């Protein structure tokens, strides 16, 4: 993940939301570490003034999966 320009590591949810809201462009996104679940990432996407967060994790077979729920702030 470190090589991806969208990856912001261990920034907080609040810091990620501030970055996206400052960008102000629908479709802006970033990837960060989950604050609550080690080894899980959060994909944060700006859409119509809200930041939607999806948790991403690796399956036992090495594939990536996103949780079906999202969190909107």
N, C-alpha and C. Protein backbone atom coordinates (compact mmCIF):
# COMPACT_ATOMS: atom_id res chain seq x y z
N UNK A 1 0.81 -1.20 0.00
CA UNK A 1 0.00 0.00 0.00
C UNK A 1 0.86 1.26 0.00
N UNK A 2 2.01 1.19 0.65
CA UNK A 2 2.84 2.39 0.80
C UNK A 2 3.18 3.06 -0.52
N UNK A 3 3.25 2.30 -1.60
CA UNK A 3 3.63 2.86 -2.89
C UNK A 3 2.49 3.60 -3.59
N UNK A 4 1.27 3.41 -3.11
CA UNK A 4 0.12 4.07 -3.74
C UNK A 4 0.02 5.53 -3.32
N UNK A 5 -0.11 6.45 -4.27
CA UNK A 5 -0.21 7.87 -3.91
C UNK A 5 -1.48 8.22 -3.14
N UNK A 6 -2.49 7.37 -3.21
CA UNK A 6 -3.74 7.64 -2.48
C UNK A 6 -3.67 7.16 -1.03
N UNK A 7 -2.62 6.39 -0.69
CA UNK A 7 -2.51 5.82 0.65
C UNK A 7 -1.93 6.85 1.62
N UNK A 8 -2.65 7.08 2.70
CA UNK A 8 -2.26 8.08 3.69
C UNK A 8 -1.90 7.47 5.04
N UNK A 9 -1.74 6.16 5.09
CA UNK A 9 -1.27 5.50 6.31
C UNK A 9 -2.21 5.65 7.49
N UNK A 10 -1.62 5.99 8.63
CA UNK A 10 -2.36 6.03 9.88
C UNK A 10 -3.01 7.35 10.23
N UNK A 11 -3.41 8.13 9.23
CA UNK A 11 -4.10 9.37 9.57
C UNK A 11 -5.47 9.05 10.19
N UNK A 12 -5.97 9.98 10.96
CA UNK A 12 -7.27 9.76 11.61
C UNK A 12 -8.41 9.94 10.61
N UNK A 13 -9.57 9.45 11.00
CA UNK A 13 -10.77 9.63 10.18
C UNK A 13 -11.02 11.11 9.94
N UNK A 14 -10.89 11.89 11.01
CA UNK A 14 -11.14 13.33 10.90
C UNK A 14 -10.17 14.00 9.93
N UNK A 15 -8.90 13.62 9.99
CA UNK A 15 -7.90 14.21 9.09
C UNK A 15 -8.21 13.84 7.64
N UNK A 16 -8.60 12.60 7.40
CA UNK A 16 -8.96 12.17 6.05
C UNK A 16 -10.16 12.92 5.52
N UNK A 17 -11.16 13.10 6.37
CA UNK A 17 -12.35 13.84 5.95
C UNK A 17 -12.01 15.29 5.61
N UNK A 18 -11.14 15.90 6.41
CA UNK A 18 -10.73 17.29 6.14
C UNK A 18 -10.02 17.41 4.79
N UNK A 19 -9.14 16.45 4.50
CA UNK A 19 -8.44 16.46 3.21
C UNK A 19 -9.42 16.38 2.05
N UNK A 20 -10.37 15.48 2.14
CA UNK A 20 -11.33 15.30 1.05
C UNK A 20 -12.26 16.50 0.92
N UNK A 21 -12.73 17.02 2.04
CA UNK A 21 -13.62 18.19 1.98
C UNK A 21 -12.88 19.41 1.44
N UNK A 22 -11.59 19.53 1.76
CA UNK A 22 -10.79 20.64 1.24
C UNK A 22 -10.61 20.51 -0.27
N UNK A 23 -10.49 19.27 -0.77
CA UNK A 23 -10.38 19.05 -2.22
C UNK A 23 -11.67 19.50 -2.89
N UNK A 24 -12.80 19.19 -2.27
CA UNK A 24 -14.10 19.67 -2.74
C UNK A 24 -14.60 19.11 -4.05
N UNK A 25 -13.97 18.08 -4.57
CA UNK A 25 -14.35 17.53 -5.86
C UNK A 25 -14.99 16.16 -5.68
N UNK A 26 -16.24 16.02 -6.15
CA UNK A 26 -16.89 14.71 -6.09
C UNK A 26 -16.00 13.66 -6.73
N UNK A 27 -15.91 12.53 -6.08
CA UNK A 27 -15.08 11.44 -6.59
C UNK A 27 -13.68 11.43 -6.02
N UNK A 28 -13.30 12.48 -5.27
CA UNK A 28 -11.99 12.45 -4.61
C UNK A 28 -11.99 11.31 -3.60
N UNK A 29 -10.86 10.65 -3.45
CA UNK A 29 -10.80 9.52 -2.53
C UNK A 29 -9.41 9.36 -1.96
N UNK A 30 -9.33 8.64 -0.86
CA UNK A 30 -8.05 8.28 -0.26
C UNK A 30 -8.20 6.96 0.46
N UNK A 31 -7.08 6.37 0.74
CA UNK A 31 -7.02 5.10 1.46
C UNK A 31 -6.21 5.34 2.72
N UNK A 32 -6.71 4.84 3.85
CA UNK A 32 -6.01 4.99 5.13
C UNK A 32 -6.17 3.71 5.93
N UNK A 33 -5.35 3.59 6.97
CA UNK A 33 -5.48 2.47 7.89
C UNK A 33 -6.74 2.65 8.74
N UNK A 34 -7.41 1.57 9.05
CA UNK A 34 -8.54 1.62 9.98
C UNK A 34 -7.99 1.96 11.36
N UNK A 35 -8.68 2.84 12.06
CA UNK A 35 -8.27 3.18 13.42
C UNK A 35 -8.68 2.10 14.41
N UNK A 36 -9.72 1.35 14.10
CA UNK A 36 -10.27 0.42 15.09
C UNK A 36 -9.95 -1.05 14.82
N UNK A 37 -9.59 -1.39 13.58
CA UNK A 37 -9.35 -2.80 13.25
C UNK A 37 -7.98 -2.95 12.58
N UNK A 38 -7.00 -3.51 13.28
CA UNK A 38 -5.66 -3.68 12.70
C UNK A 38 -5.71 -4.52 11.42
N UNK A 39 -4.92 -4.12 10.42
CA UNK A 39 -4.84 -4.87 9.17
C UNK A 39 -5.94 -4.58 8.18
N UNK A 40 -6.86 -3.69 8.54
CA UNK A 40 -7.97 -3.32 7.67
C UNK A 40 -7.74 -1.89 7.19
N UNK A 41 -8.14 -1.62 5.96
CA UNK A 41 -8.01 -0.29 5.38
C UNK A 41 -9.38 0.35 5.21
N UNK A 42 -9.39 1.66 5.10
CA UNK A 42 -10.63 2.39 4.86
C UNK A 42 -10.48 3.18 3.57
N UNK A 43 -11.41 2.95 2.65
CA UNK A 43 -11.49 3.72 1.42
C UNK A 43 -12.51 4.83 1.68
N UNK A 44 -12.07 6.07 1.61
CA UNK A 44 -12.92 7.22 1.89
C UNK A 44 -13.15 7.98 0.60
N UNK A 45 -14.42 8.22 0.27
CA UNK A 45 -14.80 8.83 -1.01
C UNK A 45 -15.71 10.03 -0.75
N UNK A 46 -15.42 11.15 -1.40
CA UNK A 46 -16.25 12.35 -1.29
C UNK A 46 -17.32 12.33 -2.36
N UNK A 47 -18.58 12.52 -1.93
CA UNK A 47 -19.70 12.58 -2.87
C UNK A 47 -20.75 13.53 -2.32
N UNK A 48 -21.02 14.59 -3.06
CA UNK A 48 -22.04 15.58 -2.73
C UNK A 48 -21.91 16.10 -1.29
N UNK A 49 -20.68 16.42 -0.92
CA UNK A 49 -20.42 17.03 0.39
C UNK A 49 -20.33 16.06 1.55
N UNK A 50 -20.48 14.78 1.30
CA UNK A 50 -20.37 13.76 2.34
C UNK A 50 -19.17 12.86 2.05
N UNK A 51 -18.54 12.38 3.10
CA UNK A 51 -17.46 11.41 2.95
C UNK A 51 -18.01 10.04 3.32
N UNK A 52 -17.95 9.12 2.37
CA UNK A 52 -18.39 7.74 2.56
C UNK A 52 -17.16 6.88 2.82
N UNK A 53 -17.24 6.03 3.82
CA UNK A 53 -16.10 5.19 4.19
C UNK A 53 -16.48 3.72 4.07
N UNK A 54 -15.63 2.99 3.37
CA UNK A 54 -15.81 1.55 3.16
C UNK A 54 -14.58 0.84 3.73
N UNK A 55 -14.80 -0.19 4.52
CA UNK A 55 -13.68 -0.97 5.06
C UNK A 55 -13.27 -2.03 4.04
N UNK A 56 -11.96 -2.14 3.83
CA UNK A 56 -11.39 -3.11 2.89
C UNK A 56 -10.49 -4.07 3.66
N UNK A 57 -10.63 -5.35 3.38
CA UNK A 57 -9.77 -6.33 4.04
C UNK A 57 -9.43 -7.45 3.07
N UNK A 58 -8.36 -8.14 3.39
CA UNK A 58 -7.94 -9.28 2.57
C UNK A 58 -8.62 -10.54 3.07
N UNK A 59 -9.05 -11.36 2.12
CA UNK A 59 -9.67 -12.64 2.47
C UNK A 59 -8.57 -13.68 2.70
N UNK A 60 -8.97 -14.85 3.12
CA UNK A 60 -8.01 -15.94 3.34
C UNK A 60 -7.31 -16.36 2.05
N UNK A 61 -7.96 -16.12 0.90
CA UNK A 61 -7.36 -16.50 -0.39
C UNK A 61 -6.50 -15.39 -0.98
N UNK A 62 -6.42 -14.24 -0.29
CA UNK A 62 -5.59 -13.14 -0.77
C UNK A 62 -6.33 -12.12 -1.61
N UNK A 63 -7.61 -12.34 -1.84
CA UNK A 63 -8.42 -11.36 -2.56
C UNK A 63 -8.80 -10.22 -1.61
N UNK A 64 -9.24 -9.11 -2.18
CA UNK A 64 -9.71 -7.99 -1.37
C UNK A 64 -11.23 -7.98 -1.37
N UNK A 65 -11.81 -7.61 -0.24
CA UNK A 65 -13.26 -7.48 -0.18
C UNK A 65 -13.61 -6.20 0.58
N UNK A 66 -14.74 -5.62 0.20
CA UNK A 66 -15.25 -4.42 0.87
C UNK A 66 -16.50 -4.82 1.64
N UNK A 67 -16.64 -4.26 2.83
CA UNK A 67 -17.87 -4.55 3.57
C UNK A 67 -19.04 -3.95 2.83
N UNK A 68 -20.20 -4.54 2.99
CA UNK A 68 -21.36 -4.09 2.23
C UNK A 68 -21.98 -2.83 2.81
N UNK A 69 -21.72 -2.53 4.07
CA UNK A 69 -22.22 -1.29 4.67
C UNK A 69 -21.19 -0.19 4.45
N UNK A 70 -21.65 1.04 4.50
CA UNK A 70 -20.74 2.17 4.44
C UNK A 70 -21.11 3.12 5.56
N UNK A 71 -20.19 4.00 5.87
CA UNK A 71 -20.41 5.00 6.91
C UNK A 71 -20.34 6.36 6.25
N UNK A 72 -21.35 7.19 6.47
CA UNK A 72 -21.40 8.52 5.86
C UNK A 72 -21.25 9.57 6.94
N UNK A 73 -20.42 10.55 6.68
CA UNK A 73 -20.23 11.68 7.59
C UNK A 73 -20.25 12.96 6.81
